[in-house]
N, C-alpha and C. Protein backbone atom coordinates (compact mmCIF):
# COMPACT_ATOMS: atom_id res chain seq x y z
N SER A 1 -36.76 -5.83 -2.01
CA SER A 1 -35.52 -6.15 -2.41
C SER A 1 -34.83 -4.90 -3.11
N TYR A 2 -33.53 -5.08 -3.14
CA TYR A 2 -32.75 -4.01 -3.93
C TYR A 2 -31.73 -4.59 -4.51
N TYR A 3 -31.03 -3.81 -5.48
CA TYR A 3 -29.92 -4.22 -6.20
C TYR A 3 -28.62 -3.50 -5.65
N LYS A 4 -27.50 -4.05 -5.78
CA LYS A 4 -26.18 -3.58 -5.51
C LYS A 4 -25.11 -3.84 -6.56
N ILE A 5 -24.71 -2.75 -7.12
CA ILE A 5 -23.79 -2.80 -8.18
C ILE A 5 -22.53 -2.50 -7.67
N PRO A 6 -21.42 -3.19 -7.62
CA PRO A 6 -20.21 -2.80 -7.32
C PRO A 6 -19.31 -2.23 -8.47
N VAL A 7 -18.69 -1.29 -8.35
CA VAL A 7 -17.80 -0.50 -9.26
C VAL A 7 -16.50 -0.28 -8.74
N ASP A 8 -15.21 -0.70 -9.51
CA ASP A 8 -14.02 -0.60 -9.18
C ASP A 8 -13.62 0.80 -9.92
N TYR A 9 -12.66 1.51 -9.25
CA TYR A 9 -12.42 2.61 -10.05
C TYR A 9 -10.70 2.99 -9.54
N GLU A 10 -10.09 3.76 -10.53
CA GLU A 10 -8.73 4.23 -10.39
C GLU A 10 -8.79 5.62 -10.92
N ILE A 11 -8.50 6.58 -10.18
CA ILE A 11 -8.24 7.86 -10.60
C ILE A 11 -6.84 8.23 -10.40
N LYS A 12 -6.10 8.81 -11.57
CA LYS A 12 -4.83 9.48 -11.33
C LYS A 12 -5.02 10.80 -11.78
N GLY A 13 -4.14 11.70 -10.93
CA GLY A 13 -4.24 13.02 -10.93
C GLY A 13 -3.81 13.85 -9.79
N ASN A 14 -4.08 15.18 -9.62
CA ASN A 14 -3.81 15.68 -8.27
C ASN A 14 -4.96 15.62 -7.24
N PHE A 15 -4.57 16.00 -6.13
CA PHE A 15 -5.63 15.65 -4.89
C PHE A 15 -6.81 16.56 -5.22
N LEU A 16 -6.66 17.96 -5.87
CA LEU A 16 -7.88 18.62 -6.11
C LEU A 16 -8.83 17.90 -7.05
N GLY A 17 -8.42 17.12 -7.97
CA GLY A 17 -9.06 16.47 -8.87
C GLY A 17 -9.92 15.38 -8.19
N PHE A 18 -9.18 14.56 -7.17
CA PHE A 18 -9.76 13.66 -6.46
C PHE A 18 -10.97 14.33 -5.60
N ILE A 19 -10.72 15.39 -5.11
CA ILE A 19 -11.88 16.08 -4.39
C ILE A 19 -13.01 16.41 -4.84
N LYS A 20 -12.63 16.84 -6.29
CA LYS A 20 -13.87 17.25 -7.31
C LYS A 20 -14.63 15.99 -7.64
N PHE A 21 -13.93 14.89 -7.83
CA PHE A 21 -14.67 13.53 -7.95
C PHE A 21 -15.58 13.24 -6.75
N LYS A 22 -14.98 13.29 -5.74
CA LYS A 22 -15.78 12.95 -4.46
C LYS A 22 -17.04 13.82 -4.29
N ARG A 23 -16.94 15.09 -4.40
CA ARG A 23 -17.98 16.04 -4.45
C ARG A 23 -19.08 15.59 -5.64
N ALA A 24 -18.61 15.24 -6.81
CA ALA A 24 -19.64 14.87 -7.81
C ALA A 24 -20.35 13.73 -7.43
N VAL A 25 -19.82 12.65 -6.73
CA VAL A 25 -20.26 11.53 -6.35
C VAL A 25 -21.26 11.73 -5.25
N ALA A 26 -21.03 12.73 -4.46
CA ALA A 26 -21.79 13.23 -3.36
C ALA A 26 -23.04 13.89 -3.86
N ARG A 27 -23.09 14.38 -4.88
CA ARG A 27 -24.22 15.30 -5.50
C ARG A 27 -25.13 14.27 -6.19
N SER A 28 -24.57 13.07 -6.38
CA SER A 28 -25.42 12.17 -7.21
C SER A 28 -26.74 11.82 -6.58
N LYS A 29 -27.88 11.64 -7.34
CA LYS A 29 -29.33 11.32 -6.83
C LYS A 29 -29.30 9.72 -6.24
N LYS A 30 -28.26 8.99 -6.79
CA LYS A 30 -28.24 7.36 -6.31
C LYS A 30 -27.44 7.34 -5.10
N MET A 31 -27.98 6.31 -4.53
CA MET A 31 -27.21 6.07 -3.32
C MET A 31 -25.75 5.09 -3.36
N LEU A 32 -24.88 5.95 -2.95
CA LEU A 32 -23.55 5.29 -3.39
C LEU A 32 -22.82 5.08 -2.04
N ASN A 33 -22.15 3.92 -1.90
CA ASN A 33 -21.25 3.69 -0.67
C ASN A 33 -19.92 3.24 -1.20
N PHE A 34 -19.06 3.96 -0.61
CA PHE A 34 -17.47 3.66 -0.78
C PHE A 34 -17.21 2.46 0.28
N ASP A 35 -16.96 1.22 -0.47
CA ASP A 35 -16.58 0.19 0.28
C ASP A 35 -15.09 0.05 0.72
N LYS A 36 -14.22 0.41 -0.30
CA LYS A 36 -12.76 0.47 0.02
C LYS A 36 -12.29 1.58 -0.66
N GLU A 37 -11.15 2.04 -0.22
CA GLU A 37 -10.22 3.08 -0.87
C GLU A 37 -8.93 3.24 -0.39
N THR A 38 -8.04 3.18 -1.29
CA THR A 38 -6.68 3.58 -0.92
C THR A 38 -6.05 4.91 -1.86
N ILE A 39 -5.40 5.64 -1.25
CA ILE A 39 -4.84 6.82 -1.84
C ILE A 39 -3.28 6.85 -1.85
N SER A 40 -2.58 6.66 -2.76
CA SER A 40 -1.25 6.61 -2.77
C SER A 40 -0.49 7.86 -3.57
N ILE A 41 0.69 8.24 -3.26
CA ILE A 41 1.30 9.29 -3.69
C ILE A 41 2.24 8.88 -4.74
N VAL A 42 2.25 9.32 -6.01
CA VAL A 42 3.23 8.88 -6.90
C VAL A 42 4.70 9.30 -6.64
N GLN A 43 5.55 8.65 -6.49
CA GLN A 43 6.96 8.78 -6.03
C GLN A 43 7.59 9.49 -7.25
N ASN A 44 8.47 10.37 -6.99
CA ASN A 44 9.29 11.16 -7.86
C ASN A 44 8.44 12.06 -8.71
N ASP A 45 7.36 12.42 -8.40
CA ASP A 45 6.44 13.23 -9.43
C ASP A 45 6.32 14.65 -8.77
N ALA A 46 7.06 15.43 -9.60
CA ALA A 46 7.01 16.96 -9.14
C ALA A 46 5.63 17.81 -8.95
N THR A 47 4.62 17.10 -9.52
CA THR A 47 3.33 17.66 -9.57
C THR A 47 2.52 17.52 -8.31
N GLY A 48 3.08 16.32 -7.64
CA GLY A 48 2.28 15.91 -6.38
C GLY A 48 1.13 15.03 -6.69
N ALA A 49 1.27 14.15 -7.93
CA ALA A 49 0.31 13.34 -8.25
C ALA A 49 -0.02 12.35 -7.32
N ILE A 50 -1.37 11.92 -7.24
CA ILE A 50 -1.76 10.83 -6.50
C ILE A 50 -2.68 9.83 -7.49
N VAL A 51 -2.61 8.44 -6.74
CA VAL A 51 -3.52 7.46 -7.52
C VAL A 51 -4.67 7.04 -6.31
N ALA A 52 -5.63 7.14 -6.83
CA ALA A 52 -6.94 6.85 -5.85
C ALA A 52 -7.51 5.40 -6.41
N ARG A 53 -7.46 4.37 -5.70
CA ARG A 53 -8.05 3.13 -6.08
C ARG A 53 -9.34 2.69 -4.94
N GLY A 54 -10.43 2.21 -5.57
CA GLY A 54 -11.37 1.82 -4.66
C GLY A 54 -12.50 0.90 -5.27
N GLU A 55 -13.40 0.61 -4.44
CA GLU A 55 -14.67 0.13 -4.96
C GLU A 55 -15.87 0.76 -4.21
N LEU A 56 -16.64 1.36 -5.15
CA LEU A 56 -18.02 1.68 -4.58
C LEU A 56 -19.32 0.98 -5.02
N THR A 57 -20.33 0.93 -4.26
CA THR A 57 -21.46 0.09 -4.59
C THR A 57 -22.59 1.03 -4.91
N ILE A 58 -23.31 0.87 -5.94
CA ILE A 58 -24.51 1.53 -6.41
C ILE A 58 -25.64 0.81 -5.69
N VAL A 59 -26.44 1.36 -4.94
CA VAL A 59 -27.61 0.71 -4.32
C VAL A 59 -29.03 1.39 -4.85
N GLY A 60 -29.83 0.61 -5.36
CA GLY A 60 -31.18 1.04 -5.77
C GLY A 60 -32.22 0.04 -5.80
N LEU A 61 -33.46 0.39 -5.75
CA LEU A 61 -34.54 -0.31 -6.07
C LEU A 61 -34.69 -0.99 -7.41
N PRO A 62 -35.24 -2.01 -7.71
CA PRO A 62 -35.38 -2.69 -9.24
C PRO A 62 -35.93 -1.48 -10.05
N ASN A 63 -37.07 -0.65 -9.73
CA ASN A 63 -37.54 0.43 -10.63
C ASN A 63 -36.53 1.45 -10.86
N ASP A 64 -35.59 1.63 -9.97
CA ASP A 64 -34.45 2.72 -10.20
C ASP A 64 -33.39 2.62 -11.25
N PHE A 65 -33.37 1.06 -11.63
CA PHE A 65 -32.50 0.96 -12.82
C PHE A 65 -33.02 0.81 -14.24
N PHE A 66 -34.40 0.89 -14.38
CA PHE A 66 -35.06 0.56 -15.68
C PHE A 66 -36.12 1.55 -16.00
């Protein structure tokens, strides 16, 4: 048996910051699955800001969490 822990997230910033987030998640020792994700451009923002929303699931065996 294993545990699945869903996590909702929202990131606001520039695309480079979003890429850094994804890289940090990929380097994690935990098994993470991105279940849903949408990326939207913030309208009328001169900096090119984005908003990324989604859900990821942390998967692990019972002794992984305690």
